[in-house]
Protein backbone atom coordinates (compact mmCIF):
# COMPACT_ATOMS: atom_id res chain seq x y z
CA MET A 1 23.34 61.33 29.85
CA ILE A 2 22.55 58.19 31.78
CA HIS A 3 22.35 58.90 35.50
CA GLY A 4 23.82 56.58 38.09
CA THR A 5 26.39 54.95 35.79
CA VAL A 6 29.97 55.53 34.72
CA HIS A 7 28.57 57.90 32.07
CA ASP A 8 28.08 60.45 34.86
CA ASP A 9 31.79 60.58 35.65
CA PRO A 10 34.24 61.26 32.80
CA GLY A 11 37.03 60.42 35.26
CA LEU A 12 35.87 56.79 35.18
CA ILE A 13 35.40 56.62 31.43
CA ARG A 14 38.80 57.99 30.37
CA PRO A 15 40.95 55.28 32.09
CA LEU A 16 38.71 52.56 30.68
CA ARG A 17 38.89 54.05 27.19
CA ASP A 18 42.68 54.42 27.45
CA ARG A 19 43.04 50.80 28.55
CA LEU A 20 40.83 49.51 25.74
CA LEU A 21 42.08 51.75 22.95
CA GLY A 22 45.59 52.60 24.06
CA ARG A 23 46.84 56.00 25.18
CA ASP A 24 46.37 57.67 21.82
CA GLY A 25 42.91 56.14 21.28
CA GLU A 26 44.02 54.71 17.94
CA MET A 27 42.80 51.37 16.66
CA ARG A 28 43.90 49.48 13.57
CA VAL A 29 41.26 48.00 11.30
CA GLY A 30 42.40 44.95 9.41
CA LEU A 31 40.77 43.54 6.28
CA LEU A 32 41.59 40.09 4.95
CA VAL A 33 40.16 39.04 1.58
CA LEU A 34 40.32 35.43 0.44
CA ASP A 35 39.51 34.42 -3.11
CA LEU A 36 38.50 30.76 -3.11
CA HIS A 37 38.22 28.26 -5.93
CA LEU A 38 35.60 25.67 -4.95
CA VAL A 39 36.36 22.76 -7.28
CA GLY A 40 33.81 20.30 -5.91
CA CYS A 41 30.81 22.64 -5.97
CA THR A 42 28.38 21.97 -8.81
CA SER A 43 25.63 24.37 -7.75
CA LEU A 44 25.16 27.66 -5.98
CA LYS A 45 23.50 25.77 -3.13
CA GLU A 46 26.63 23.68 -2.55
CA LYS A 47 28.77 26.80 -2.77
CA ARG A 48 26.62 28.64 -0.21
CA ARG A 49 26.87 25.67 2.15
CA ALA A 50 30.69 25.52 1.85
CA VAL A 51 31.12 29.29 2.24
CA ARG A 52 28.68 29.48 5.17
CA SER A 53 30.47 26.59 6.87
CA LEU A 54 33.85 28.32 6.57
CA ILE A 55 32.50 31.71 7.70
CA ASP A 56 30.65 30.20 10.67
CA ARG A 57 33.70 28.19 11.72
CA VAL A 58 36.03 31.20 11.57
CA ARG A 59 33.57 33.49 13.37
CA SER A 60 33.08 30.93 16.14
CA ARG A 61 36.85 30.68 16.73
CA HIS A 62 37.93 34.29 16.15
CA ASN A 63 36.56 37.74 16.88
CA VAL A 64 35.91 38.84 13.29
CA ALA A 65 33.14 40.06 11.06
CA ALA A 66 32.90 38.04 7.83
CA SER A 67 30.93 38.13 4.61
CA GLU A 68 30.94 36.80 1.07
CA ILE A 69 31.81 39.81 -1.05
CA ASP A 70 32.44 38.59 -4.60
CA HIS A 71 31.53 35.95 -7.21
CA HIS A 72 27.95 35.63 -5.91
CA ASP A 73 26.68 34.12 -9.17
CA ARG A 74 29.55 31.67 -9.81
CA HIS A 75 29.27 28.26 -8.17
CA GLN A 76 33.02 27.50 -8.10
CA ARG A 77 34.36 30.87 -6.91
CA ALA A 78 33.89 32.86 -3.72
CA GLY A 79 35.35 36.07 -2.36
CA ILE A 80 35.22 36.29 1.43
CA ALA A 81 36.22 39.27 3.58
CA PHE A 82 37.15 39.18 7.25
CA VAL A 83 37.44 42.35 9.34
CA SER A 84 38.78 42.87 12.86
CA LEU A 85 40.20 45.56 15.16
CA ALA A 86 43.35 45.74 17.26
CA GLN A 87 45.67 48.33 18.73
CA THR A 88 48.55 47.28 16.45
CA GLU A 89 49.00 45.31 13.24
CA ASP A 90 50.84 42.39 14.87
CA PRO A 91 47.77 40.73 16.44
CA LEU A 92 45.87 41.28 13.19
CA HIS A 93 48.61 39.53 11.21
CA ARG A 94 48.51 36.57 13.62
CA LEU A 95 44.70 36.48 13.43
CA PHE A 96 44.73 36.59 9.63
CA ASP A 97 47.38 33.85 9.51
CA ALA A 98 45.13 31.68 11.69
CA ILE A 99 42.11 32.40 9.47
CA TYR A 100 44.12 31.58 6.34
CA ASP A 101 45.30 28.31 7.94
CA GLU A 102 41.73 27.41 8.92
CA ALA A 103 40.49 28.09 5.37
CA ASP A 104 43.35 26.04 3.91
CA ARG A 105 42.57 23.10 6.24
CA ARG A 106 38.88 23.14 5.32
CA MET A 107 39.45 23.73 1.59
CA PRO A 108 42.97 22.54 0.72
CA GLY A 109 44.44 24.26 -2.31
CA ALA A 110 41.31 26.32 -2.82
CA ILE A 111 42.78 29.69 -1.82
CA GLU A 112 43.89 31.40 -5.00
CA GLU A 113 44.58 34.88 -3.72
CA ILE A 114 45.02 36.62 -0.39
CA SER A 115 45.16 40.33 0.32
CA ARG A 116 45.49 42.23 3.57
CA GLU A 117 44.87 45.89 4.27
CA PHE A 118 45.23 47.91 7.43
CA VAL A 119 43.74 51.31 8.23
CA GLY A 120 44.18 53.53 11.23
């Protein structure tokens, strides 16, 4: 227990937790997976640059965790996953739509597949 902070008083923690997590304390975890076809990339170095650019751009604009998850050894394919949390699915759908739009603007026609999953 940390003395002299809100950790000392559960009466202060509970309202904050309820406000952040909702009354039932439930959060939804959303996972968006994009499968990209990178036509112009002729090397793994070019691919890494393109994927890193997209991931960095999305992470700077949206509160998500992101990582390349598939096709590590193929220079014209990339699988990228984005994960975020929200109280309901609606904000996650809007977030994932914005991420998809951003990816499509940066790499037009490159998105071959999109999948979304929600847990919680």
